[in-house]
Amino acid sequence: MQKTVVITGANRGIGLAMAQIFKSKGYAVKGVCRSSSPALEALGIEVVDGVDVATGDGIARLESALVSTNIDVLVCNAGILRDENLGHFNLETMRDQFEVNTLAPLRVVHALQSHLGAGSKIAMITSRMGSIADNTSGGRFGYRMSKAALNIASVSLSHDLAERDIAVGIYHPGYVQTDMVGGRGDIPASEAANRIIGLIDNLTMAESGVFKHSNGEQLPW
């Protein structure tokens, strides 16, 4: 029986690369995004656009589009990166990052929880910048805080969903060459996506709630 994956932020970068790979593996792919892209449309998958996962209307549209969908893998990938420090203090961008990076993934899981069954998996795409122990350079207040909050929320989800046999993976993709970082990075989106999908494939309940680098290394909180 064909498996189904739902990916938020699927129109570009890591999300798009994951959609490509999951399709090649035979999954029915639902690509969720605010605005579609030519590259996403070219995949020939089901595109659910017009979804801003940080808004009530966006979540309602997502629920409506997936009302009859059983989900085997849910990838919460949508995120934003802004830059604040003590010399450039911006509460608005910090709040925006909490809405998109922390609250939106929780809203998505909450909205779609009835579509997940025993053996389903959730992948939270986070960042090692949310690691307190790994923070050696400071700054990036909103991004760091929002990802640290996502990490602890994901651990809570792993406990809350354990009795339903639903595993939660918490993944740092690496320093990836995407638009988010202006094309800088150590690895292409395709490699990060391939690594993460490998981790999802091998995710068991025993490793639910574990924070990992896409290379398989366990990261400190």
N, C-alpha and C. Protein backbone atom coordinates (compact mmCIF):
# COMPACT_ATOMS: atom_id res chain seq x y z
N MET A 1 0.84 -1.19 0.00
CA MET A 1 0.00 0.00 0.00
C MET A 1 0.88 1.25 0.00
N GLN A 2 0.54 2.22 -0.85
CA GLN A 2 1.35 3.42 -0.98
C GLN A 2 1.30 4.25 0.29
N LYS A 3 2.46 4.72 0.73
CA LYS A 3 2.54 5.58 1.91
C LYS A 3 2.40 7.04 1.49
N THR A 4 1.98 7.87 2.45
CA THR A 4 1.76 9.29 2.19
C THR A 4 2.63 10.13 3.11
N VAL A 5 3.27 11.14 2.53
CA VAL A 5 4.06 12.10 3.30
C VAL A 5 3.51 13.50 3.05
N VAL A 6 3.43 14.27 4.11
CA VAL A 6 3.03 15.68 4.04
C VAL A 6 4.23 16.52 4.45
N ILE A 7 4.59 17.47 3.61
CA ILE A 7 5.78 18.31 3.86
C ILE A 7 5.39 19.77 3.82
N THR A 8 5.63 20.51 4.91
CA THR A 8 5.39 21.95 4.89
C THR A 8 6.65 22.65 4.38
N GLY A 9 6.47 23.83 3.80
CA GLY A 9 7.60 24.56 3.23
C GLY A 9 8.22 23.81 2.07
N ALA A 10 7.34 23.24 1.22
CA ALA A 10 7.82 22.32 0.16
C ALA A 10 8.17 23.00 -1.15
N ASN A 11 8.02 24.31 -1.22
CA ASN A 11 8.18 24.98 -2.52
C ASN A 11 9.64 25.24 -2.90
N ARG A 12 10.55 25.10 -1.95
CA ARG A 12 11.96 25.37 -2.27
C ARG A 12 12.85 24.73 -1.22
N GLY A 13 14.15 24.81 -1.46
CA GLY A 13 15.14 24.37 -0.47
C GLY A 13 15.00 22.92 -0.05
N ILE A 14 15.16 22.68 1.24
CA ILE A 14 15.14 21.33 1.79
C ILE A 14 13.78 20.67 1.57
N GLY A 15 12.70 21.45 1.75
CA GLY A 15 11.37 20.88 1.57
C GLY A 15 11.14 20.37 0.16
N LEU A 16 11.57 21.15 -0.83
CA LEU A 16 11.44 20.74 -2.23
C LEU A 16 12.28 19.50 -2.50
N ALA A 17 13.51 19.49 -1.98
CA ALA A 17 14.39 18.33 -2.18
C ALA A 17 13.80 17.08 -1.54
N MET A 18 13.18 17.23 -0.38
CA MET A 18 12.56 16.09 0.28
C MET A 18 11.37 15.58 -0.53
N ALA A 19 10.60 16.51 -1.09
CA ALA A 19 9.46 16.11 -1.93
C ALA A 19 9.95 15.29 -3.12
N GLN A 20 11.03 15.72 -3.74
CA GLN A 20 11.58 14.99 -4.88
C GLN A 20 12.00 13.58 -4.50
N ILE A 21 12.69 13.46 -3.37
CA ILE A 21 13.21 12.15 -2.96
C ILE A 21 12.07 11.23 -2.53
N PHE A 22 11.14 11.75 -1.74
CA PHE A 22 10.02 10.92 -1.32
C PHE A 22 9.22 10.43 -2.52
N LYS A 23 9.04 11.27 -3.53
CA LYS A 23 8.32 10.83 -4.73
C LYS A 23 9.08 9.70 -5.41
N SER A 24 10.40 9.83 -5.49
CA SER A 24 11.20 8.78 -6.13
C SER A 24 11.15 7.47 -5.37
N LYS A 25 10.80 7.55 -4.07
CA LYS A 25 10.68 6.35 -3.24
C LYS A 25 9.27 5.75 -3.29
N GLY A 26 8.40 6.38 -4.08
CA GLY A 26 7.07 5.83 -4.27
C GLY A 26 5.99 6.36 -3.35
N TYR A 27 6.30 7.38 -2.58
CA TYR A 27 5.31 7.97 -1.68
C TYR A 27 4.32 8.83 -2.46
N ALA A 28 3.11 8.94 -1.93
CA ALA A 28 2.18 9.98 -2.36
C ALA A 28 2.58 11.23 -1.57
N VAL A 29 3.01 12.25 -2.26
CA VAL A 29 3.57 13.44 -1.61
C VAL A 29 2.58 14.59 -1.66
N LYS A 30 2.34 15.19 -0.51
CA LYS A 30 1.51 16.39 -0.40
C LYS A 30 2.45 17.54 -0.03
N GLY A 31 2.69 18.43 -0.98
CA GLY A 31 3.60 19.55 -0.76
C GLY A 31 2.84 20.79 -0.33
N VAL A 32 3.07 21.21 0.91
CA VAL A 32 2.34 22.33 1.51
C VAL A 32 3.21 23.58 1.49
N CYS A 33 2.62 24.71 1.10
CA CYS A 33 3.40 25.95 1.03
C CYS A 33 2.47 27.15 0.98
N ARG A 34 3.02 28.32 1.22
CA ARG A 34 2.25 29.55 1.05
C ARG A 34 2.05 29.84 -0.42
N SER A 35 3.15 29.77 -1.19
CA SER A 35 3.10 30.00 -2.64
C SER A 35 3.88 28.89 -3.33
N SER A 36 3.28 28.31 -4.33
CA SER A 36 3.96 27.24 -5.05
C SER A 36 5.11 27.80 -5.88
N SER A 37 5.84 26.91 -6.54
CA SER A 37 6.97 27.30 -7.38
C SER A 37 6.98 26.42 -8.61
N PRO A 38 7.58 26.89 -9.70
CA PRO A 38 7.68 26.05 -10.90
C PRO A 38 8.33 24.70 -10.62
N ALA A 39 9.34 24.70 -9.77
CA ALA A 39 10.03 23.44 -9.47
C ALA A 39 9.12 22.47 -8.73
N LEU A 40 8.30 22.99 -7.83
CA LEU A 40 7.37 22.12 -7.11
C LEU A 40 6.28 21.60 -8.04
N GLU A 41 5.74 22.48 -8.87
CA GLU A 41 4.69 22.07 -9.81
C GLU A 41 5.21 21.00 -10.77
N ALA A 42 6.48 21.10 -11.14
CA ALA A 42 7.06 20.16 -12.10
C ALA A 42 7.17 18.75 -11.56
N LEU A 43 7.07 18.59 -10.24
CA LEU A 43 7.18 17.25 -9.65
C LEU A 43 5.96 16.39 -9.94
N GLY A 44 4.83 17.02 -10.24
CA GLY A 44 3.62 16.26 -10.49
C GLY A 44 3.02 15.65 -9.24
N ILE A 45 3.24 16.30 -8.09
CA ILE A 45 2.65 15.84 -6.84
C ILE A 45 1.44 16.71 -6.50
N GLU A 46 0.75 16.38 -5.42
CA GLU A 46 -0.35 17.23 -4.98
C GLU A 46 0.21 18.42 -4.21
N VAL A 47 -0.04 19.61 -4.71
CA VAL A 47 0.44 20.84 -4.08
C VAL A 47 -0.72 21.48 -3.32
N VAL A 48 -0.49 21.74 -2.04
CA VAL A 48 -1.48 22.43 -1.21
C VAL A 48 -0.90 23.81 -0.91
N ASP A 49 -1.25 24.78 -1.77
CA ASP A 49 -0.66 26.11 -1.58
C ASP A 49 -1.67 27.04 -0.90
N GLY A 50 -1.25 28.26 -0.68
CA GLY A 50 -2.09 29.21 0.04
C GLY A 50 -2.17 28.92 1.53
N VAL A 51 -1.21 28.14 2.03
CA VAL A 51 -1.22 27.76 3.44
C VAL A 51 -0.10 28.46 4.19
N ASP A 52 -0.46 29.44 5.00
CA ASP A 52 0.47 30.06 5.94
C ASP A 52 0.25 29.35 7.27
N VAL A 53 1.18 28.48 7.64
CA VAL A 53 0.98 27.64 8.83
C VAL A 53 1.03 28.43 10.14
N ALA A 54 1.36 29.71 10.06
CA ALA A 54 1.38 30.54 11.26
C ALA A 54 0.06 31.27 11.49
N THR A 55 -0.94 30.98 10.67
CA THR A 55 -2.24 31.65 10.82
C THR A 55 -3.36 30.63 10.96
N GLY A 56 -4.44 31.06 11.60
CA GLY A 56 -5.61 30.21 11.74
C GLY A 56 -6.21 29.85 10.40
N ASP A 57 -6.27 30.81 9.49
CA ASP A 57 -6.83 30.54 8.16
C ASP A 57 -5.98 29.52 7.42
N GLY A 58 -4.67 29.62 7.56
CA GLY A 58 -3.78 28.68 6.89
C GLY A 58 -3.96 27.27 7.42
N ILE A 59 -4.08 27.14 8.73
CA ILE A 59 -4.29 25.82 9.33
C ILE A 59 -5.64 25.25 8.90
N ALA A 60 -6.65 26.09 8.85
CA ALA A 60 -7.98 25.63 8.41
C ALA A 60 -7.93 25.14 6.97
N ARG A 61 -7.19 25.84 6.11
CA ARG A 61 -7.06 25.42 4.72
C ARG A 61 -6.33 24.08 4.63
N LEU A 62 -5.31 23.92 5.46
CA LEU A 62 -4.56 22.67 5.48
C LEU A 62 -5.47 21.51 5.91
N GLU A 63 -6.23 21.72 6.97
CA GLU A 63 -7.15 20.68 7.44
C GLU A 63 -8.15 20.30 6.35
N SER A 64 -8.68 21.30 5.68
CA SER A 64 -9.68 21.05 4.64
C SER A 64 -9.09 20.25 3.48
N ALA A 65 -7.87 20.60 3.09
CA ALA A 65 -7.23 19.95 1.94
C ALA A 65 -6.87 18.49 2.24
N LEU A 66 -6.63 18.19 3.52
CA LEU A 66 -6.17 16.85 3.88
C LEU A 66 -7.23 16.07 4.66
N VAL A 67 -8.47 16.47 4.54
CA VAL A 67 -9.53 15.92 5.39
C VAL A 67 -9.65 14.41 5.29
N SER A 68 -9.35 13.83 4.15
CA SER A 68 -9.49 12.37 3.99
C SER A 68 -8.15 11.66 3.82
N THR A 69 -7.07 12.31 4.28
CA THR A 69 -5.72 11.78 4.08
C THR A 69 -5.18 11.09 5.32
N ASN A 70 -4.75 9.86 5.17
CA ASN A 70 -4.01 9.17 6.24
C ASN A 70 -2.52 9.45 6.03
N ILE A 71 -1.87 9.92 7.06
CA ILE A 71 -0.49 10.39 6.93
C ILE A 71 0.48 9.41 7.59
N ASP A 72 1.44 8.95 6.81
CA ASP A 72 2.48 8.07 7.34
C ASP A 72 3.67 8.87 7.86
N VAL A 73 4.03 9.95 7.16
CA VAL A 73 5.13 10.81 7.57
C VAL A 73 4.69 12.26 7.46
N LEU A 74 4.86 13.01 8.54
CA LEU A 74 4.57 14.44 8.56
C LEU A 74 5.86 15.18 8.81
N VAL A 75 6.28 16.00 7.84
CA VAL A 75 7.52 16.75 7.95
C VAL A 75 7.20 18.23 8.15
N CYS A 76 7.51 18.73 9.34
CA CYS A 76 7.31 20.16 9.64
C CYS A 76 8.62 20.88 9.33
N ASN A 77 8.68 21.42 8.13
CA ASN A 77 9.92 21.99 7.60
C ASN A 77 9.88 23.51 7.47
N ALA A 78 8.70 24.10 7.34
CA ALA A 78 8.60 25.55 7.12
C ALA A 78 9.26 26.32 8.26
N GLY A 79 10.05 27.30 7.91
CA GLY A 79 10.72 28.11 8.93
C GLY A 79 11.27 29.39 8.35
N ILE A 80 11.59 30.33 9.22
CA ILE A 80 12.19 31.59 8.79
C ILE A 80 13.40 31.91 9.67
N LEU A 81 14.31 32.70 9.13
CA LEU A 81 15.52 33.12 9.83
C LEU A 81 15.65 34.63 9.74
N ARG A 82 15.73 35.27 10.88
CA ARG A 82 15.99 36.71 10.94
C ARG A 82 17.22 36.93 11.82
N ASP A 83 17.69 38.16 11.89
CA ASP A 83 18.94 38.41 12.62
C ASP A 83 18.75 39.57 13.60
N GLU A 84 18.89 39.25 14.88
CA GLU A 84 18.86 40.31 15.90
C GLU A 84 20.05 40.13 16.83
N ASN A 85 20.50 41.23 17.41
CA ASN A 85 21.50 41.21 18.46
C ASN A 85 21.28 42.43 19.34
N LEU A 86 22.11 42.64 20.30
CA LEU A 86 21.89 43.78 21.21
C LEU A 86 22.00 45.12 20.50
N GLY A 87 22.75 45.15 19.42
CA GLY A 87 22.88 46.39 18.66
C GLY A 87 21.78 46.58 17.62
N HIS A 88 21.08 45.50 17.33
CA HIS A 88 19.97 45.55 16.36
C HIS A 88 18.84 44.73 16.96
N PHE A 89 18.13 45.35 17.89
CA PHE A 89 17.12 44.67 18.71
C PHE A 89 15.75 44.85 18.08
N ASN A 90 15.13 43.73 17.70
CA ASN A 90 13.86 43.82 16.96
C ASN A 90 12.88 42.79 17.52
N LEU A 91 11.99 43.25 18.39
CA LEU A 91 11.03 42.34 19.00
C LEU A 91 10.06 41.75 17.98
N GLU A 92 9.75 42.52 16.95
CA GLU A 92 8.79 42.04 15.96
C GLU A 92 9.31 40.82 15.20
N THR A 93 10.57 40.86 14.78
CA THR A 93 11.12 39.70 14.07
C THR A 93 11.29 38.50 15.00
N MET A 94 11.55 38.76 16.28
CA MET A 94 11.63 37.66 17.24
C MET A 94 10.27 36.99 17.37
N ARG A 95 9.22 37.79 17.48
CA ARG A 95 7.87 37.23 17.59
C ARG A 95 7.50 36.45 16.32
N ASP A 96 7.87 37.01 15.17
CA ASP A 96 7.57 36.33 13.90
C ASP A 96 8.21 34.94 13.87
N GLN A 97 9.44 34.84 14.35
CA GLN A 97 10.13 33.55 14.32
C GLN A 97 9.50 32.55 15.29
N PHE A 98 9.01 33.03 16.43
CA PHE A 98 8.30 32.13 17.33
C PHE A 98 7.01 31.62 16.68
N GLU A 99 6.31 32.50 15.99
CA GLU A 99 5.05 32.08 15.34
C GLU A 99 5.31 31.00 14.28
N VAL A 100 6.33 31.22 13.46
CA VAL A 100 6.58 30.30 12.34
C VAL A 100 7.40 29.08 12.75
N ASN A 101 8.45 29.29 13.53
CA ASN A 101 9.39 28.21 13.84
C ASN A 101 8.95 27.32 15.00
N THR A 102 8.16 27.87 15.92
CA THR A 102 7.79 27.12 17.12
C THR A 102 6.31 26.77 17.15
N LEU A 103 5.46 27.78 17.09
CA LEU A 103 4.03 27.55 17.24
C LEU A 103 3.41 26.88 16.02
N ALA A 104 3.87 27.27 14.83
CA ALA A 104 3.28 26.69 13.61
C ALA A 104 3.45 25.17 13.54
N PRO A 105 4.63 24.60 13.79
CA PRO A 105 4.73 23.14 13.76
C PRO A 105 3.79 22.46 14.75
N LEU A 106 3.64 23.06 15.94
CA LEU A 106 2.72 22.49 16.92
C LEU A 106 1.27 22.57 16.42
N ARG A 107 0.94 23.70 15.80
CA ARG A 107 -0.41 23.85 15.26
C ARG A 107 -0.68 22.82 14.16
N VAL A 108 0.32 22.56 13.34
CA VAL A 108 0.16 21.58 12.26
C VAL A 108 -0.07 20.18 12.85
N VAL A 109 0.75 19.80 13.83
CA VAL A 109 0.59 18.48 14.45
C VAL A 109 -0.77 18.38 15.13
N HIS A 110 -1.16 19.42 15.84
CA HIS A 110 -2.46 19.42 16.52
C HIS A 110 -3.59 19.25 15.51
N ALA A 111 -3.50 19.98 14.40
CA ALA A 111 -4.58 19.95 13.40
C ALA A 111 -4.66 18.61 12.68
N LEU A 112 -3.52 17.95 12.52
CA LEU A 112 -3.48 16.72 11.71
C LEU A 112 -3.33 15.45 12.54
N GLN A 113 -3.41 15.57 13.85
CA GLN A 113 -3.14 14.41 14.71
C GLN A 113 -4.08 13.23 14.44
N SER A 114 -5.31 13.53 14.06
CA SER A 114 -6.26 12.44 13.81
C SER A 114 -5.94 11.68 12.52
N HIS A 115 -5.06 12.24 11.70
CA HIS A 115 -4.67 11.59 10.44
C HIS A 115 -3.46 10.68 10.62
N LEU A 116 -2.88 10.70 11.82
CA LEU A 116 -1.70 9.90 12.12
C LEU A 116 -2.13 8.64 12.87
N GLY A 117 -1.54 7.53 12.50
CA GLY A 117 -1.88 6.28 13.16
C GLY A 117 -0.65 5.60 13.72
N ALA A 118 -0.83 4.44 14.32
CA ALA A 118 0.30 3.68 14.86
C ALA A 118 1.32 3.44 13.76
N GLY A 119 2.57 3.78 14.04
CA GLY A 119 3.64 3.63 13.06
C GLY A 119 3.92 4.88 12.26
N SER A 120 3.05 5.88 12.37
CA SER A 120 3.32 7.15 11.69
C SER A 120 4.53 7.84 12.33
N LYS A 121 5.14 8.74 11.56
CA LYS A 121 6.33 9.44 12.05
C LYS A 121 6.19 10.94 11.79
N ILE A 122 6.72 11.73 12.72
CA ILE A 122 6.76 13.18 12.58
C ILE A 122 8.22 13.60 12.57
N ALA A 123 8.61 14.43 11.62
CA ALA A 123 9.97 14.97 11.56
C ALA A 123 9.91 16.47 11.76
N MET A 124 10.53 16.94 12.81
CA MET A 124 10.64 18.37 13.07
C MET A 124 12.00 18.86 12.57
N ILE A 125 11.98 19.78 11.59
CA ILE A 125 13.23 20.31 11.07
C ILE A 125 13.60 21.53 11.91
N THR A 126 14.61 21.36 12.72
CA THR A 126 15.01 22.38 13.67
C THR A 126 16.41 22.88 13.33
N SER A 127 17.20 23.24 14.31
CA SER A 127 18.56 23.73 14.07
C SER A 127 19.40 23.54 15.32
N ARG A 128 20.68 23.26 15.11
CA ARG A 128 21.59 23.19 16.26
C ARG A 128 21.75 24.57 16.89
N MET A 129 21.31 25.62 16.19
CA MET A 129 21.33 26.96 16.80
C MET A 129 20.34 27.05 17.95
N GLY A 130 19.46 26.06 18.09
CA GLY A 130 18.58 25.99 19.24
C GLY A 130 19.21 25.24 20.41
N SER A 131 20.45 24.78 20.25
CA SER A 131 21.15 24.10 21.34
C SER A 131 21.79 25.12 22.26
N ILE A 132 21.50 25.01 23.55
CA ILE A 132 22.10 25.92 24.53
C ILE A 132 23.58 25.59 24.71
N ALA A 133 23.89 24.30 24.81
CA ALA A 133 25.28 23.88 25.02
C ALA A 133 26.17 24.22 23.84
N ASP A 134 25.57 24.29 22.64
CA ASP A 134 26.35 24.49 21.42
C ASP A 134 26.49 25.97 21.05
N ASN A 135 25.86 26.86 21.82
CA ASN A 135 25.89 28.28 21.49
C ASN A 135 27.20 28.90 21.97
N THR A 136 28.11 29.13 21.02
CA THR A 136 29.41 29.72 21.36
C THR A 136 29.62 31.09 20.73
N SER A 137 28.59 31.60 20.02
CA SER A 137 28.79 32.86 19.31
C SER A 137 27.74 33.93 19.61
N GLY A 138 26.66 33.58 20.32
CA GLY A 138 25.66 34.58 20.69
C GLY A 138 24.84 35.07 19.52
N GLY A 139 24.09 36.16 19.74
CA GLY A 139 23.28 36.77 18.70
C GLY A 139 22.15 35.88 18.21
N ARG A 140 21.53 36.29 17.10
CA ARG A 140 20.42 35.55 16.50
C ARG A 140 19.37 35.17 17.55
N PHE A 141 18.97 36.15 18.36
CA PHE A 141 18.10 35.86 19.50
C PHE A 141 16.83 35.12 19.10
N GLY A 142 16.09 35.67 18.14
CA GLY A 142 14.81 35.10 17.78
C GLY A 142 14.93 33.70 17.22
N TYR A 143 15.89 33.49 16.35
CA TYR A 143 16.05 32.16 15.74
C TYR A 143 16.48 31.13 16.77
N ARG A 144 17.47 31.48 17.57
CA ARG A 144 17.95 30.55 18.59
C ARG A 144 16.84 30.19 19.57
N MET A 145 16.14 31.20 20.07
CA MET A 145 15.08 30.95 21.06
C MET A 145 13.94 30.15 20.46
N SER A 146 13.55 30.48 19.23
CA SER A 146 12.42 29.78 18.62
C SER A 146 12.75 28.31 18.34
N LYS A 147 13.99 28.04 17.97
CA LYS A 147 14.38 26.65 17.71
C LYS A 147 14.59 25.87 19.01
N ALA A 148 15.10 26.54 20.05
CA ALA A 148 15.20 25.87 21.35
C ALA A 148 13.81 25.51 21.86
N ALA A 149 12.85 26.42 21.66
CA ALA A 149 11.47 26.17 22.08
C ALA A 149 10.86 25.04 21.25
N LEU A 150 11.16 25.00 19.96
CA LEU A 150 10.67 23.91 19.12
C LEU A 150 11.23 22.57 19.60
N ASN A 151 12.51 22.57 19.99
CA ASN A 151 13.12 21.33 20.45
C ASN A 151 12.40 20.76 21.67
N ILE A 152 12.11 21.61 22.67
CA ILE A 152 11.47 21.11 23.87
C ILE A 152 10.02 20.73 23.58
N ALA A 153 9.37 21.47 22.70
CA ALA A 153 8.00 21.11 22.31
C ALA A 153 7.99 19.75 21.63
N SER A 154 9.00 19.49 20.82
CA SER A 154 9.09 18.21 20.11
C SER A 154 9.32 17.05 21.07
N VAL A 155 10.11 17.29 22.12
CA VAL A 155 10.31 16.26 23.13
C VAL A 155 8.98 15.98 23.84
N SER A 156 8.23 17.03 24.16
CA SER A 156 6.92 16.84 24.78
C SER A 156 6.00 16.02 23.86
N LEU A 157 6.02 16.34 22.58
CA LEU A 157 5.21 15.58 21.62
C LEU A 157 5.61 14.10 21.60
N SER A 158 6.91 13.85 21.70
CA SER A 158 7.37 12.46 21.67
C SER A 158 6.79 11.67 22.84
N HIS A 159 6.62 12.31 23.99
CA HIS A 159 6.02 11.65 25.15
C HIS A 159 4.50 11.55 24.97
N ASP A 160 3.89 12.64 24.50
CA ASP A 160 2.44 12.66 24.35
C ASP A 160 1.94 11.65 23.34
N LEU A 161 2.75 11.38 22.31
CA LEU A 161 2.32 10.49 21.23
C LEU A 161 2.83 9.06 21.37
N ALA A 162 3.62 8.82 22.41
CA ALA A 162 4.24 7.50 22.58
C ALA A 162 3.19 6.39 22.70
N GLU A 163 2.13 6.66 23.44
CA GLU A 163 1.11 5.61 23.63
C GLU A 163 0.36 5.28 22.35
N ARG A 164 0.46 6.18 21.36
CA ARG A 164 -0.16 5.92 20.05
C ARG A 164 0.84 5.33 19.06
N ASP A 165 2.07 5.07 19.51
CA ASP A 165 3.12 4.48 18.67
C ASP A 165 3.46 5.40 17.50
N ILE A 166 3.53 6.71 17.78
CA ILE A 166 3.92 7.71 16.79
C ILE A 166 5.26 8.30 17.23
N ALA A 167 6.27 8.16 16.39
CA ALA A 167 7.62 8.61 16.74
C ALA A 167 7.88 10.03 16.22
N VAL A 168 8.69 10.77 16.97
CA VAL A 168 9.02 12.16 16.62
C VAL A 168 10.54 12.29 16.48
N GLY A 169 10.98 12.66 15.28
CA GLY A 169 12.40 12.93 15.04
C GLY A 169 12.66 14.41 15.08
N ILE A 170 13.77 14.82 15.67
CA ILE A 170 14.13 16.23 15.81
C ILE A 170 15.47 16.41 15.09
N TYR A 171 15.44 17.09 13.94
CA TYR A 171 16.59 17.04 13.04
C TYR A 171 17.16 18.40 12.66
N HIS A 172 18.47 18.53 12.85
CA HIS A 172 19.23 19.67 12.32
C HIS A 172 19.76 19.26 10.96
N PRO A 173 19.39 19.97 9.88
CA PRO A 173 19.78 19.51 8.54
C PRO A 173 21.25 19.70 8.20
N GLY A 174 21.95 20.56 8.96
CA GLY A 174 23.31 20.93 8.60
C GLY A 174 23.31 22.36 8.09
N TYR A 175 24.46 22.84 7.68
CA TYR A 175 24.57 24.19 7.11
C TYR A 175 24.33 24.03 5.61
N VAL A 176 23.10 24.29 5.21
CA VAL A 176 22.63 23.91 3.87
C VAL A 176 22.56 25.11 2.94
N GLN A 177 22.93 24.90 1.70
CA GLN A 177 22.95 25.95 0.69
C GLN A 177 21.52 26.25 0.21
N THR A 178 20.85 27.13 0.96
CA THR A 178 19.47 27.50 0.62
C THR A 178 19.34 29.01 0.56
N ASP A 179 18.17 29.48 0.11
CA ASP A 179 17.91 30.91 0.07
C ASP A 179 17.95 31.52 1.46
N MET A 180 17.58 30.72 2.47
CA MET A 180 17.55 31.23 3.84
C MET A 180 18.89 31.79 4.29
N VAL A 181 19.99 31.19 3.81
CA VAL A 181 21.32 31.65 4.20
C VAL A 181 22.06 32.26 3.02
N GLY A 182 21.29 32.73 2.04
CA GLY A 182 21.90 33.40 0.90
C GLY A 182 22.74 32.51 0.02
N GLY A 183 22.43 31.22 0.01
CA GLY A 183 23.18 30.29 -0.83
C GLY A 183 24.47 29.79 -0.23
N ARG A 184 24.82 30.33 0.94
CA ARG A 184 26.02 29.83 1.61
C ARG A 184 25.70 28.47 2.22
N GLY A 185 26.71 27.77 2.68
CA GLY A 185 26.47 26.48 3.30
C GLY A 185 27.51 25.46 2.90
N ASP A 186 27.51 24.34 3.62
CA ASP A 186 28.49 23.29 3.39
C ASP A 186 27.98 22.18 2.48
N ILE A 187 26.65 21.99 2.46
CA ILE A 187 26.08 20.90 1.67
C ILE A 187 24.86 21.39 0.89
N PRO A 188 24.56 20.79 -0.26
CA PRO A 188 23.36 21.17 -1.01
C PRO A 188 22.11 20.64 -0.33
N ALA A 189 20.98 21.23 -0.67
CA ALA A 189 19.70 20.81 -0.09
C ALA A 189 19.43 19.34 -0.36
N SER A 190 19.83 18.86 -1.53
CA SER A 190 19.57 17.45 -1.87
C SER A 190 20.26 16.50 -0.91
N GLU A 191 21.48 16.85 -0.49
CA GLU A 191 22.20 15.97 0.44
C GLU A 191 21.56 16.02 1.82
N ALA A 192 21.21 17.21 2.28
CA ALA A 192 20.55 17.33 3.58
C ALA A 192 19.24 16.56 3.59
N ALA A 193 18.46 16.70 2.51
CA ALA A 193 17.18 16.00 2.42
C ALA A 193 17.37 14.49 2.43
N ASN A 194 18.34 14.02 1.69
CA ASN A 194 18.60 12.58 1.63
C ASN A 194 18.99 12.03 2.99
N ARG A 195 19.81 12.78 3.71
CA ARG A 195 20.23 12.37 5.05
C ARG A 195 19.03 12.30 6.00
N ILE A 196 18.20 13.36 5.97
CA ILE A 196 17.06 13.41 6.87
C ILE A 196 16.08 12.28 6.58
N ILE A 197 15.84 12.01 5.31
CA ILE A 197 14.92 10.93 4.96
C ILE A 197 15.48 9.58 5.42
N GLY A 198 16.78 9.43 5.36
CA GLY A 198 17.39 8.22 5.90
C GLY A 198 17.14 8.08 7.40
N LEU A 199 17.24 9.20 8.11
CA LEU A 199 16.96 9.17 9.55
C LEU A 199 15.49 8.85 9.82
N ILE A 200 14.61 9.43 9.02
CA ILE A 200 13.18 9.13 9.17
C ILE A 200 12.90 7.65 8.92
N ASP A 201 13.49 7.13 7.86
CA ASP A 201 13.29 5.71 7.52
C ASP A 201 13.68 4.81 8.69
N ASN A 202 14.74 5.19 9.40
CA ASN A 202 15.27 4.36 10.48
C ASN A 202 14.77 4.76 11.87
N LEU A 203 13.88 5.75 11.92
CA LEU A 203 13.37 6.23 13.20
C LEU A 203 12.51 5.16 13.87
N THR A 204 12.81 4.86 15.11
CA THR A 204 12.01 3.93 15.90
C THR A 204 11.50 4.64 17.15
N MET A 205 10.58 4.01 17.86
CA MET A 205 10.07 4.59 19.09
C MET A 205 11.18 4.76 20.12
N ALA A 206 12.20 3.91 20.05
CA ALA A 206 13.31 4.00 21.00
C ALA A 206 14.10 5.29 20.85
N GLU A 207 14.06 5.89 19.64
CA GLU A 207 14.80 7.14 19.41
C GLU A 207 13.86 8.32 19.22
N SER A 208 12.60 8.16 19.55
CA SER A 208 11.66 9.27 19.48
C SER A 208 12.07 10.34 20.50
N GLY A 209 12.11 11.59 20.03
CA GLY A 209 12.49 12.69 20.92
C GLY A 209 13.97 12.94 21.03
N VAL A 210 14.77 12.29 20.18
CA VAL A 210 16.22 12.49 20.19
C VAL A 210 16.59 13.57 19.17
N PHE A 211 17.48 14.47 19.55
CA PHE A 211 17.92 15.61 18.74
C PHE A 211 19.16 15.19 17.96
N LYS A 212 19.02 15.16 16.62
CA LYS A 212 20.12 14.66 15.79
C LYS A 212 20.50 15.62 14.66
N HIS A 213 21.78 15.61 14.36
CA HIS A 213 22.31 16.21 13.13
C HIS A 213 21.92 15.28 11.99
N SER A 214 21.76 15.82 10.80
CA SER A 214 21.40 14.96 9.66
C SER A 214 22.46 13.91 9.37
N ASN A 215 23.69 14.13 9.85
CA ASN A 215 24.74 13.13 9.64
C ASN A 215 24.64 11.98 10.63
N GLY A 216 23.63 12.02 11.50
CA GLY A 216 23.42 10.94 12.45
C GLY A 216 23.95 11.21 13.85
N GLU A 217 24.76 12.26 14.00
CA GLU A 217 25.32 12.60 15.30
C GLU A 217 24.22 13.10 16.24
N GLN A 218 24.23 12.62 17.50
CA GLN A 218 23.29 13.14 18.49
C GLN A 218 23.81 14.47 19.00
N LEU A 219 22.94 15.47 19.03
CA LEU A 219 23.34 16.83 19.40
C LEU A 219 22.97 17.12 20.86
N PRO A 220 23.73 18.00 21.51
CA PRO A 220 23.42 18.36 22.90
C PRO A 220 22.27 19.36 22.96
N TRP A 221 21.54 19.35 24.05
CA TRP A 221 20.46 20.32 24.24
C TRP A 221 21.05 21.67 24.65
